[in-house]
Amino acid sequence: MSAGQSYLVSGNLVAVITAVRDAMPYVLTTGGGTTLPAGPLQRSHRSMQEGMRAWVLRQTGCELGYIEQLYTFADRNRGSGPALEVSYLGLTTMEPGAEAWRSWYEFFPWEDRRDGTVVVEEIIAPALGRWAEETTDGDAGEGRRVRCEAAFGLAGRPWHPDMALARYELLYEAGLVPEAGAEDPVPGRPMTPHHRRILASGIARLRSKIQYQPVIFELLPKTFTLSGLQTAVEAIAGQELHTQNFRRLVAQQQLVEDSGQVASSTGGRPAKLVRFRRRVLDERAAAGTKLPIPRVK
């Protein structure tokens, strides 16, 4: 292409809309769970955010509240989707019975460690081990092995919840997911090219963000119990938390206040309902719900 010559690049706005219900994080999908809400920026849209809100409302009926730009993906050699995709992360509450909502962990079962690590230990780790041994270059093989251990918490290394995108990208590189043409893929619902990667980026961003900003409260009703708050954080993090450490941290950061109400449907002694402190609501950049040390099983 000569200097000064231009060409058109196809592009889409893509939304990762997340909600939490019944101890499970959900994402809003289209196409029977194969795609995320998406559409091109049009002349009638005054901004990309407005365009994203319009497409989500048109395709799912969901009116977005909190939304922020996630990443811009520009890969011409990865699948058959648009060359340019601008993604957004949105947080909301979910009404029961909405069929368009799918659990995060249908797409990434290895990211939910609350029920153990069987998927990683019995399926993913052996597959990655074989991939690391495929190369005849000893240094390259050792580099692959170290990357696998760091990403998936193998060989005694810690598990980092906010490495969700890095884990998916490693599985893609190793040819272990359907989007990469895997003949014998690891478990996990596939999506249209790019969209599972975009979802992984949203999971990674949210898991990182709840460590320094109180965005978890965007996923909760106006009043909630401390147990409900912990359950929501555990659902997003994909790991159990130490209850005393968690409540101590919430108290130290003065994130909630008593609402003067109790929950009558807890099945036992009525639990106190709390609410997000108005001062923190007004200061969104305040320190957030940092994840305490996970409970050791």
C-alpha atoms as a PDB file:
ATOM      1  CA  MET A   1       0.000   0.000   0.000  1.00  0.00           C
ATOM      2  CA  SER A   2       1.475   3.370  -1.010  1.00  0.00           C
ATOM      3  CA  ALA A   3       2.034   6.205   1.452  1.00  0.00           C
ATOM      4  CA  GLY A   4      -1.115   8.141   2.137  1.00  0.00           C
ATOM      5  CA  GLN A   5      -3.384   5.397   0.821  1.00  0.00           C
ATOM      6  CA  SER A   6      -6.192   4.431   3.201  1.00  0.00           C
ATOM      7  CA  TYR A   7      -8.482   1.461   3.560  1.00  0.00           C
ATOM      8  CA  LEU A   8     -11.667   0.656   5.433  1.00  0.00           C
ATOM      9  CA  VAL A   9     -11.566  -1.434   8.598  1.00  0.00           C
ATOM     10  CA  SER A  10     -14.713  -3.215   9.747  1.00  0.00           C
ATOM     11  CA  GLY A  11     -15.456  -2.770  13.432  1.00  0.00           C
ATOM     12  CA  ASN A  12     -17.922  -3.605  16.163  1.00  0.00           C
ATOM     13  CA  LEU A  13     -18.879  -2.491  19.645  1.00  0.00           C
ATOM     14  CA  VAL A  14     -19.033  -5.515  21.978  1.00  0.00           C
ATOM     15  CA  ALA A  15     -20.498  -5.626  25.497  1.00  0.00           C
ATOM     16  CA  VAL A  16     -19.551  -7.813  28.470  1.00  0.00           C
ATOM     17  CA  ILE A  17     -22.577  -7.273  30.741  1.00  0.00           C
ATOM     18  CA  THR A  18     -22.241  -9.016  34.102  1.00  0.00           C
ATOM     19  CA  ALA A  19     -24.673  -9.751  36.925  1.00  0.00           C
ATOM     20  CA  VAL A  20     -24.593 -12.007  39.985  1.00  0.00           C
ATOM     21  CA  ARG A  21     -27.458 -14.223  41.123  1.00  0.00           C
ATOM     22  CA  ASP A  22     -27.646 -17.253  43.423  1.00  0.00           C
ATOM     23  CA  ALA A  23     -23.876 -17.297  44.033  1.00  0.00           C
ATOM     24  CA  MET A  24     -23.085 -17.374  40.316  1.00  0.00           C
ATOM     25  CA  PRO A  25     -21.716 -14.672  37.982  1.00  0.00           C
ATOM     26  CA  TYR A  26     -23.576 -14.342  34.684  1.00  0.00           C
ATOM     27  CA  VAL A  27     -22.916 -12.675  31.346  1.00  0.00           C
ATOM     28  CA  LEU A  28     -25.575 -11.392  28.965  1.00  0.00           C
ATOM     29  CA  THR A  29     -25.398 -13.229  25.623  1.00  0.00           C
ATOM     30  CA  THR A  30     -27.065 -13.399  22.246  1.00  0.00           C
ATOM     31  CA  GLY A  31     -27.244 -16.114  19.606  1.00  0.00           C
ATOM     32  CA  GLY A  32     -28.114 -18.840  22.089  1.00  0.00           C
ATOM     33  CA  GLY A  33     -25.004 -18.181  24.153  1.00  0.00           C
ATOM     34  CA  THR A  34     -22.585 -18.084  21.217  1.00  0.00           C
ATOM     35  CA  THR A  35     -22.066 -14.308  21.072  1.00  0.00           C
ATOM     36  CA  LEU A  36     -22.024 -11.186  23.208  1.00  0.00           C
ATOM     37  CA  PRO A  37     -24.277  -8.204  22.427  1.00  0.00           C
ATOM     38  CA  ALA A  38     -22.569  -6.324  19.603  1.00  0.00           C
ATOM     39  CA  GLY A  39     -23.123  -3.972  16.705  1.00  0.00           C
ATOM     40  CA  PRO A  40     -21.365  -1.349  14.581  1.00  0.00           C
ATOM     41  CA  LEU A  41     -21.019   2.291  15.571  1.00  0.00           C
ATOM     42  CA  GLN A  42     -23.570   4.234  13.514  1.00  0.00           C
ATOM     43  CA  ARG A  43     -23.875   7.868  12.486  1.00  0.00           C
ATOM     44  CA  SER A  44     -26.856   8.293  14.794  1.00  0.00           C
ATOM     45  CA  HIS A  45     -24.745   7.385  17.844  1.00  0.00           C
ATOM     46  CA  ARG A  46     -23.237  10.431  19.528  1.00  0.00           C
ATOM     47  CA  SER A  47     -20.527   8.291  21.160  1.00  0.00           C
ATOM     48  CA  MET A  48     -19.333   4.710  21.325  1.00  0.00           C
ATOM     49  CA  GLN A  49     -20.862   4.343  24.801  1.00  0.00           C
ATOM     50  CA  GLU A  50     -24.217   5.530  23.498  1.00  0.00           C
ATOM     51  CA  GLY A  51     -23.913   3.127  20.581  1.00  0.00           C
ATOM     52  CA  MET A  52     -23.116   0.250  22.933  1.00  0.00           C
ATOM     53  CA  ARG A  53     -26.121   1.023  25.130  1.00  0.00           C
ATOM     54  CA  ALA A  54     -28.357   1.207  22.070  1.00  0.00           C
ATOM     55  CA  TRP A  55     -27.228  -2.167  20.720  1.00  0.00           C
ATOM     56  CA  VAL A  56     -27.604  -3.906  24.098  1.00  0.00           C
ATOM     57  CA  LEU A  57     -31.112  -2.484  24.533  1.00  0.00           C
ATOM     58  CA  ARG A  58     -32.132  -3.455  20.988  1.00  0.00           C
ATOM     59  CA  GLN A  59     -30.745  -6.989  21.189  1.00  0.00           C
ATOM     60  CA  THR A  60     -31.549  -7.929  24.798  1.00  0.00           C
ATOM     61  CA  GLY A  61     -33.964  -5.371  26.237  1.00  0.00           C
ATOM     62  CA  CYS A  62     -31.466  -4.570  29.006  1.00  0.00           C
ATOM     63  CA  GLU A  63     -30.949  -0.907  29.925  1.00  0.00           C
ATOM     64  CA  LEU A  64     -27.366  -0.463  31.076  1.00  0.00           C
ATOM     65  CA  GLY A  65     -26.267   1.376  34.197  1.00  0.00           C
ATOM     66  CA  TYR A  66     -22.550   1.237  35.005  1.00  0.00           C
ATOM     67  CA  ILE A  67     -20.400   0.806  31.878  1.00  0.00           C
ATOM     68  CA  GLU A  68     -16.732   1.420  31.080  1.00  0.00           C
ATOM     69  CA  GLN A  69     -14.505   0.793  28.087  1.00  0.00           C
ATOM     70  CA  LEU A  70     -12.635  -2.490  28.337  1.00  0.00           C
ATOM     71  CA  TYR A  71     -10.197  -3.121  25.485  1.00  0.00           C
ATOM     72  CA  THR A  72      -9.870  -2.555  21.779  1.00  0.00           C
ATOM     73  CA  PHE A  73      -8.971  -5.699  19.861  1.00  0.00           C
ATOM     74  CA  ALA A  74      -7.460  -5.356  16.394  1.00  0.00           C
ATOM     75  CA  ASP A  75      -6.524  -8.774  15.003  1.00  0.00           C
ATOM     76  CA  ARG A  76      -6.824  -9.424  11.267  1.00  0.00           C
ATOM     77  CA  ASN A  77      -5.588 -13.015  11.516  1.00  0.00           C
ATOM     78  CA  ARG A  78      -7.748 -14.431  14.291  1.00  0.00           C
ATOM     79  CA  GLY A  79     -11.073 -15.808  13.142  1.00  0.00           C
ATOM     80  CA  SER A  80     -13.465 -14.268  10.652  1.00  0.00           C
ATOM     81  CA  GLY A  81     -14.923 -11.494  12.795  1.00  0.00           C
ATOM     82  CA  PRO A  82     -14.439  -7.741  12.360  1.00  0.00           C
ATOM     83  CA  ALA A  83     -10.830  -6.541  12.316  1.00  0.00           C
ATOM     84  CA  LEU A  84     -11.540  -3.969  15.034  1.00  0.00           C
ATOM     85  CA  GLU A  85     -13.645  -4.641  18.138  1.00  0.00           C
ATOM     86  CA  VAL A  86     -14.118  -2.086  20.918  1.00  0.00           C
ATOM     87  CA  SER A  87     -15.349  -3.819  24.053  1.00  0.00           C
ATOM     88  CA  TYR A  88     -17.160  -2.505  27.117  1.00  0.00           C
ATOM     89  CA  LEU A  89     -17.725  -3.867  30.615  1.00  0.00           C
ATOM     90  CA  GLY A  90     -21.148  -3.270  32.142  1.00  0.00           C
ATOM     91  CA  LEU A  91     -22.450  -4.216  35.602  1.00  0.00           C
ATOM     92  CA  THR A  92     -26.096  -4.631  36.491  1.00  0.00           C
ATOM     93  CA  THR A  93     -28.592  -6.680  38.492  1.00  0.00           C
ATOM     94  CA  MET A  94     -30.440  -9.574  36.901  1.00  0.00           C
ATOM     95  CA  GLU A  95     -34.102 -10.421  36.954  1.00  0.00           C
ATOM     96  CA  PRO A  96     -34.930 -14.140  37.333  1.00  0.00           C
ATOM     97  CA  GLY A  97     -35.850 -16.207  34.299  1.00  0.00           C
ATOM     98  CA  ALA A  98     -33.862 -14.321  31.671  1.00  0.00           C
ATOM     99  CA  GLU A  99     -32.717 -16.953  29.168  1.00  0.00           C
ATOM    100  CA  ALA A 100     -30.039 -14.734  27.635  1.00  0.00           C
ATOM    101  CA  TRP A 101     -27.917 -14.875  30.796  1.00  0.00           C
ATOM    102  CA  ARG A 102     -25.225 -17.565  30.943  1.00  0.00           C
ATOM    103  CA  SER A 103     -22.872 -18.453  33.774  1.00  0.00           C
ATOM    104  CA  TRP A 104     -19.273 -17.335  33.322  1.00  0.00           C
ATOM    105  CA  TYR A 105     -18.224 -20.813  34.260  1.00  0.00           C
ATOM    106  CA  GLU A 106     -20.027 -22.478  31.359  1.00  0.00           C
ATOM    107  CA  PHE A 107     -17.371 -20.819  29.194  1.00  0.00           C
ATOM    108  CA  PHE A 108     -14.460 -21.044  31.649  1.00  0.00           C
ATOM    109  CA  PRO A 109     -15.053 -23.950  34.062  1.00  0.00           C
ATOM    110  CA  TRP A 110     -11.427 -23.803  35.262  1.00  0.00           C
ATOM    111  CA  GLU A 111     -12.018 -20.280  36.630  1.00  0.00           C
ATOM    112  CA  ASP A 112     -14.429 -21.473  39.358  1.00  0.00           C
ATOM    113  CA  ARG A 113     -12.236 -22.910  42.100  1.00  0.00           C
ATOM    114  CA  ARG A 114     -14.891 -22.932  44.825  1.00  0.00           C
ATOM    115  CA  ASP A 115     -15.624 -26.609  44.170  1.00  0.00           C
ATOM    116  CA  GLY A 116     -12.030 -27.708  43.701  1.00  0.00           C
ATOM    117  CA  THR A 117      -9.489 -27.802  40.888  1.00  0.00           C
ATOM    118  CA  VAL A 118     -10.348 -31.069  39.121  1.00  0.00           C
ATOM    119  CA  VAL A 119     -10.611 -29.539  35.631  1.00  0.00           C
ATOM    120  CA  VAL A 120      -7.139 -28.025  35.922  1.00  0.00           C
ATOM    121  CA  GLU A 121      -5.451 -30.988  37.559  1.00  0.00           C
ATOM    122  CA  GLU A 122      -6.977 -33.804  35.510  1.00  0.00           C
ATOM    123  CA  ILE A 123      -7.493 -32.215  32.080  1.00  0.00           C
ATOM    124  CA  ILE A 124      -5.759 -28.875  31.537  1.00  0.00           C
ATOM    125  CA  ALA A 125      -2.424 -29.506  33.280  1.00  0.00           C
ATOM    126  CA  PRO A 126      -1.706 -32.768  31.404  1.00  0.00           C
ATOM    127  CA  ALA A 127      -2.706 -31.177  28.074  1.00  0.00           C
ATOM    128  CA  LEU A 128      -0.448 -28.187  28.686  1.00  0.00           C
ATOM    129  CA  GLY A 129       2.340 -30.522  29.752  1.00  0.00           C
ATOM    130  CA  ARG A 130       2.136 -32.343  26.416  1.00  0.00           C
ATOM    131  CA  TRP A 131       2.158 -29.008  24.581  1.00  0.00           C
ATOM    132  CA  ALA A 132       5.294 -27.906  26.464  1.00  0.00           C
ATOM    133  CA  GLU A 133       7.038 -31.120  25.451  1.00  0.00           C
ATOM    134  CA  GLU A 134       6.074 -30.852  21.775  1.00  0.00           C
ATOM    135  CA  THR A 135       8.876 -28.477  20.869  1.00  0.00           C
ATOM    136  CA  THR A 136      12.359 -29.846  20.234  1.00  0.00           C
ATOM    137  CA  ASP A 137      13.882 -26.591  21.501  1.00  0.00           C
ATOM    138  CA  GLY A 138      14.712 -27.230  25.142  1.00  0.00           C
ATOM    139  CA  ASP A 139      14.672 -23.557  26.123  1.00  0.00           C
ATOM    140  CA  ALA A 140      11.323 -23.002  24.384  1.00  0.00           C
ATOM    141  CA  GLY A 141       9.847 -26.031  26.125  1.00  0.00           C
ATOM    142  CA  GLU A 142      11.060 -24.801  29.499  1.00  0.00           C
ATOM    143  CA  GLY A 143       9.575 -21.370  28.763  1.00  0.00           C
ATOM    144  CA  ARG A 144       6.221 -22.957  27.945  1.00  0.00           C
ATOM    145  CA  ARG A 145       6.304 -25.001  31.137  1.00  0.00           C
ATOM    146  CA  VAL A 146       7.029 -21.956  33.310  1.00  0.00           C
ATOM    147  CA  ARG A 147       4.248 -19.953  31.642  1.00  0.00           C
ATOM    148  CA  CYS A 148       1.762 -22.784  32.204  1.00  0.00           C
ATOM    149  CA  GLU A 149       2.729 -23.090  35.859  1.00  0.00           C
ATOM    150  CA  ALA A 150       2.429 -19.329  36.424  1.00  0.00           C
ATOM    151  CA  ALA A 151      -0.925 -19.001  34.657  1.00  0.00           C
ATOM    152  CA  PHE A 152      -2.659 -22.023  36.188  1.00  0.00           C
ATOM    153  CA  GLY A 153      -1.048 -22.103  39.622  1.00  0.00           C
ATOM    154  CA  LEU A 154       0.840 -25.343  38.988  1.00  0.00           C
ATOM    155  CA  ALA A 155       3.920 -26.771  40.773  1.00  0.00           C
ATOM    156  CA  GLY A 156       3.113 -24.900  43.976  1.00  0.00           C
ATOM    157  CA  ARG A 157       2.679 -21.494  42.339  1.00  0.00           C
ATOM    158  CA  PRO A 158      -0.177 -19.235  43.529  1.00  0.00           C
ATOM    159  CA  TRP A 159      -3.437 -18.902  41.602  1.00  0.00           C
ATOM    160  CA  HIS A 160      -4.168 -15.336  40.505  1.00  0.00           C
ATOM    161  CA  PRO A 161      -7.898 -14.764  39.814  1.00  0.00           C
ATOM    162  CA  ASP A 162      -7.236 -11.723  37.604  1.00  0.00           C
ATOM    163  CA  MET A 163      -5.175 -13.775  35.112  1.00  0.00           C
ATOM    164  CA  ALA A 164      -8.340 -15.101  33.425  1.00  0.00           C
ATOM    165  CA  LEU A 165      -7.433 -13.569  30.054  1.00  0.00           C
ATOM    166  CA  ALA A 166      -3.830 -14.832  30.243  1.00  0.00           C
ATOM    167  CA  ARG A 167      -5.106 -18.362  30.927  1.00  0.00           C
ATOM    168  CA  TYR A 168      -7.475 -18.334  27.962  1.00  0.00           C
ATOM    169  CA  GLU A 169      -4.809 -16.888  25.658  1.00  0.00           C
ATOM    170  CA  LEU A 170      -2.388 -19.623  26.729  1.00  0.00           C
ATOM    171  CA  LEU A 171      -4.973 -22.318  25.965  1.00  0.00           C
ATOM    172  CA  TYR A 172      -5.588 -20.665  22.592  1.00  0.00           C
ATOM    173  CA  GLU A 173      -1.876 -20.615  21.814  1.00  0.00           C
ATOM    174  CA  ALA A 174      -1.620 -24.271  22.802  1.00  0.00           C
ATOM    175  CA  GLY A 175      -4.503 -25.127  20.461  1.00  0.00           C
ATOM    176  CA  LEU A 176      -6.682 -26.458  23.270  1.00  0.00           C
ATOM    177  CA  VAL A 177      -9.891 -24.448  22.675  1.00  0.00           C
ATOM    178  CA  PRO A 178     -12.407 -24.722  19.803  1.00  0.00           C
ATOM    179  CA  GLU A 179     -11.702 -21.150  18.682  1.00  0.00           C
ATOM    180  CA  ALA A 180      -8.145 -22.271  17.877  1.00  0.00           C
ATOM    181  CA  GLY A 181      -9.356 -25.294  15.927  1.00  0.00           C
ATOM    182  CA  ALA A 182      -8.784 -27.848  18.694  1.00  0.00           C
ATOM    183  CA  GLU A 183      -9.788 -31.407  17.791  1.00  0.00           C
ATOM    184  CA  ASP A 184      -9.901 -32.434  21.455  1.00  0.00           C
ATOM    185  CA  PRO A 185     -10.589 -29.176  23.338  1.00  0.00           C
ATOM    186  CA  VAL A 186     -10.598 -28.683  27.091  1.00  0.00           C
ATOM    187  CA  PRO A 187     -14.082 -28.231  28.668  1.00  0.00           C
ATOM    188  CA  GLY A 188     -15.873 -24.924  28.130  1.00  0.00           C
ATOM    189  CA  ARG A 189     -18.659 -23.579  25.900  1.00  0.00           C
ATOM    190  CA  PRO A 190     -17.205 -22.085  22.696  1.00  0.00           C
ATOM    191  CA  MET A 191     -18.218 -18.726  21.270  1.00  0.00           C
ATOM    192  CA  THR A 192     -17.978 -16.835  18.015  1.00  0.00           C
ATOM    193  CA  PRO A 193     -14.334 -15.933  17.243  1.00  0.00           C
ATOM    194  CA  HIS A 194     -13.026 -13.213  19.565  1.00  0.00           C
ATOM    195  CA  HIS A 195     -16.039 -13.179  21.881  1.00  0.00           C
ATOM    196  CA  ARG A 196     -14.785 -15.715  24.422  1.00  0.00           C
ATOM    197  CA  ARG A 197     -11.511 -13.805  24.551  1.00  0.00           C
ATOM    198  CA  ILE A 198     -13.431 -10.565  25.097  1.00  0.00           C
ATOM    199  CA  LEU A 199     -15.420 -12.228  27.892  1.00  0.00           C
ATOM    200  CA  ALA A 200     -12.162 -13.424  29.481  1.00  0.00           C
ATOM    201  CA  SER A 201     -10.855  -9.852  29.370  1.00  0.00           C
ATOM    202  CA  GLY A 202     -14.021  -8.653  31.140  1.00  0.00           C
ATOM    203  CA  ILE A 203     -13.625 -11.281  33.873  1.00  0.00           C
ATOM    204  CA  ALA A 204      -9.978 -10.326  34.373  1.00  0.00           C
ATOM    205  CA  ARG A 205     -10.813  -6.604  34.535  1.00  0.00           C
ATOM    206  CA  LEU A 206     -13.642  -7.042  37.038  1.00  0.00           C
ATOM    207  CA  ARG A 207     -11.617  -9.363  39.270  1.00  0.00           C
ATOM    208  CA  SER A 208      -8.829  -6.812  39.301  1.00  0.00           C
ATOM    209  CA  LYS A 209     -11.135  -3.825  39.738  1.00  0.00           C
ATOM    210  CA  ILE A 210     -12.912  -5.108  42.855  1.00  0.00           C
ATOM    211  CA  GLN A 211      -9.541  -5.012  44.596  1.00  0.00           C
ATOM    212  CA  TYR A 212      -9.349  -1.218  44.437  1.00  0.00           C
ATOM    213  CA  GLN A 213     -12.829   0.132  43.635  1.00  0.00           C
ATOM    214  CA  PRO A 214     -16.218  -0.693  45.198  1.00  0.00           C
ATOM    215  CA  VAL A 215     -17.831  -1.736  41.917  1.00  0.00           C
ATOM    216  CA  ILE A 216     -19.109  -4.975  43.483  1.00  0.00           C
ATOM    217  CA  PHE A 217     -22.036  -2.944  44.811  1.00  0.00           C
ATOM    218  CA  GLU A 218     -23.226  -2.294  41.256  1.00  0.00           C
ATOM    219  CA  LEU A 219     -24.168  -5.983  41.247  1.00  0.00           C
ATOM    220  CA  LEU A 220     -26.193  -5.911  44.474  1.00  0.00           C
ATOM    221  CA  PRO A 221     -29.646  -4.619  45.467  1.00  0.00           C
ATOM    222  CA  LYS A 222     -29.893  -1.450  47.539  1.00  0.00           C
ATOM    223  CA  THR A 223     -29.866  -3.451  50.762  1.00  0.00           C
ATOM    224  CA  PHE A 224     -28.139  -6.773  51.346  1.00  0.00           C
ATOM    225  CA  THR A 225     -26.618  -8.940  54.039  1.00  0.00           C
ATOM    226  CA  LEU A 226     -22.904  -9.224  54.716  1.00  0.00           C
ATOM    227  CA  SER A 227     -23.201 -12.883  53.757  1.00  0.00           C
ATOM    228  CA  GLY A 228     -24.772 -11.841  50.450  1.00  0.00           C
ATOM    229  CA  LEU A 229     -21.927  -9.409  49.859  1.00  0.00           C
ATOM    230  CA  GLN A 230     -19.335 -12.095  50.539  1.00  0.00           C
ATOM    231  CA  THR A 231     -21.149 -14.560  48.283  1.00  0.00           C
ATOM    232  CA  ALA A 232     -21.131 -12.026  45.439  1.00  0.00           C
ATOM    233  CA  VAL A 233     -17.399 -11.378  45.819  1.00  0.00           C
ATOM    234  CA  GLU A 234     -16.707 -15.121  45.946  1.00  0.00           C
ATOM    235  CA  ALA A 235     -18.780 -15.656  42.801  1.00  0.00           C
ATOM    236  CA  ILE A 236     -16.781 -13.031  40.907  1.00  0.00           C
ATOM    237  CA  ALA A 237     -13.422 -14.184  42.284  1.00  0.00           C
ATOM    238  CA  GLY A 238     -14.204 -17.852  41.751  1.00  0.00           C
ATOM    239  CA  GLN A 239     -12.783 -18.740  45.142  1.00  0.00           C
ATOM    240  CA  GLU A 240     -13.891 -18.933  48.756  1.00  0.00           C
ATOM    241  CA  LEU A 241     -12.936 -16.214  51.224  1.00  0.00           C
ATOM    242  CA  HIS A 242     -12.222 -16.353  54.929  1.00  0.00           C
ATOM    243  CA  THR A 243     -15.384 -14.925  56.499  1.00  0.00           C
ATOM    244  CA  GLN A 244     -13.766 -13.189  59.491  1.00  0.00           C
ATOM    245  CA  ASN A 245     -11.039 -11.617  57.340  1.00  0.00           C
ATOM    246  CA  PHE A 246     -13.608 -10.456  54.812  1.00  0.00           C
ATOM    247  CA  ARG A 247     -15.900  -8.840  57.384  1.00  0.00           C
ATOM    248  CA  ARG A 248     -12.953  -7.217  59.145  1.00  0.00           C
ATOM    249  CA  LEU A 249     -11.825  -5.656  55.876  1.00  0.00           C
ATOM    250  CA  VAL A 250     -15.321  -4.382  55.034  1.00  0.00           C
ATOM    251  CA  ALA A 251     -15.551  -2.818  58.516  1.00  0.00           C
ATOM    252  CA  GLN A 252     -12.075  -1.249  58.308  1.00  0.00           C
ATOM    253  CA  GLN A 253     -12.879   0.387  54.991  1.00  0.00           C
ATOM    254  CA  GLN A 254     -16.285   1.577  56.260  1.00  0.00           C
ATOM    255  CA  LEU A 255     -17.956   0.415  53.078  1.00  0.00           C
ATOM    256  CA  VAL A 256     -21.424  -0.311  54.479  1.00  0.00           C
ATOM    257  CA  GLU A 257     -23.836   0.971  57.089  1.00  0.00           C
ATOM    258  CA  ASP A 258     -26.851  -0.471  58.862  1.00  0.00           C
ATOM    259  CA  SER A 259     -30.079   0.023  56.908  1.00  0.00           C
ATOM    260  CA  GLY A 260     -32.282  -0.500  59.957  1.00  0.00           C
ATOM    261  CA  GLN A 261     -33.915  -3.523  58.304  1.00  0.00           C
ATOM    262  CA  VAL A 262     -33.541  -7.284  58.569  1.00  0.00           C
ATOM    263  CA  ALA A 263     -33.843 -10.064  56.022  1.00  0.00           C
ATOM    264  CA  SER A 264     -36.723 -12.373  56.885  1.00  0.00           C
ATOM    265  CA  SER A 265     -35.979 -15.083  54.317  1.00  0.00           C
ATOM    266  CA  THR A 266     -32.624 -16.335  55.579  1.00  0.00           C
ATOM    267  CA  GLY A 267     -34.104 -19.530  57.041  1.00  0.00           C
ATOM    268  CA  GLY A 268     -32.903 -18.849  60.574  1.00  0.00           C
ATOM    269  CA  ARG A 269     -32.304 -15.845  62.769  1.00  0.00           C
ATOM    270  CA  PRO A 270     -33.120 -12.702  60.737  1.00  0.00           C
ATOM    271  CA  ALA A 271     -29.938 -11.240  59.272  1.00  0.00           C
ATOM    272  CA  LYS A 272     -29.181  -7.536  59.416  1.00  0.00           C
ATOM    273  CA  LEU A 273     -29.515  -5.715  56.109  1.00  0.00           C
ATOM    274  CA  VAL A 274     -26.827  -3.195  55.252  1.00  0.00           C
ATOM    275  CA  ARG A 275     -26.346  -0.744  52.411  1.00  0.00           C
ATOM    276  CA  PHE A 276     -23.464   0.884  50.659  1.00  0.00           C
ATOM    277  CA  ARG A 277     -22.469   4.070  52.512  1.00  0.00           C
ATOM    278  CA  ARG A 278     -23.632   7.174  50.685  1.00  0.00           C
ATOM    279  CA  ARG A 279     -20.238   8.835  51.100  1.00  0.00           C
ATOM    280  CA  VAL A 280     -18.565   5.962  49.281  1.00  0.00           C
ATOM    281  CA  LEU A 281     -21.270   6.029  46.609  1.00  0.00           C
ATOM    282  CA  ASP A 282     -20.386   9.675  46.032  1.00  0.00           C
ATOM    283  CA  GLU A 283     -16.675   8.910  45.933  1.00  0.00           C
ATOM    284  CA  ARG A 284     -16.426   6.051  43.427  1.00  0.00           C
ATOM    285  CA  ALA A 285     -12.650   6.252  43.368  1.00  0.00           C
ATOM    286  CA  ALA A 286     -12.418   5.342  47.073  1.00  0.00           C
ATOM    287  CA  ALA A 287     -10.569   2.159  48.075  1.00  0.00           C
ATOM    288  CA  GLY A 288     -12.750  -0.833  47.308  1.00  0.00           C
ATOM    289  CA  THR A 289     -13.466  -4.366  48.400  1.00  0.00           C
ATOM    290  CA  LYS A 290     -10.009  -5.840  48.246  1.00  0.00           C
ATOM    291  CA  LEU A 291     -10.108  -9.623  48.190  1.00  0.00           C
ATOM    292  CA  PRO A 292      -8.983 -11.079  51.539  1.00  0.00           C
ATOM    293  CA  ILE A 293      -6.845 -14.191  51.786  1.00  0.00           C
ATOM    294  CA  PRO A 294      -8.739 -17.195  50.341  1.00  0.00           C
ATOM    295  CA  ARG A 295      -9.809 -19.875  52.770  1.00  0.00           C
ATOM    296  CA  VAL A 296      -7.326 -22.747  52.715  1.00  0.00           C
ATOM    297  CA  LYS A 297      -9.092 -26.087  52.352  1.00  0.00           C
END
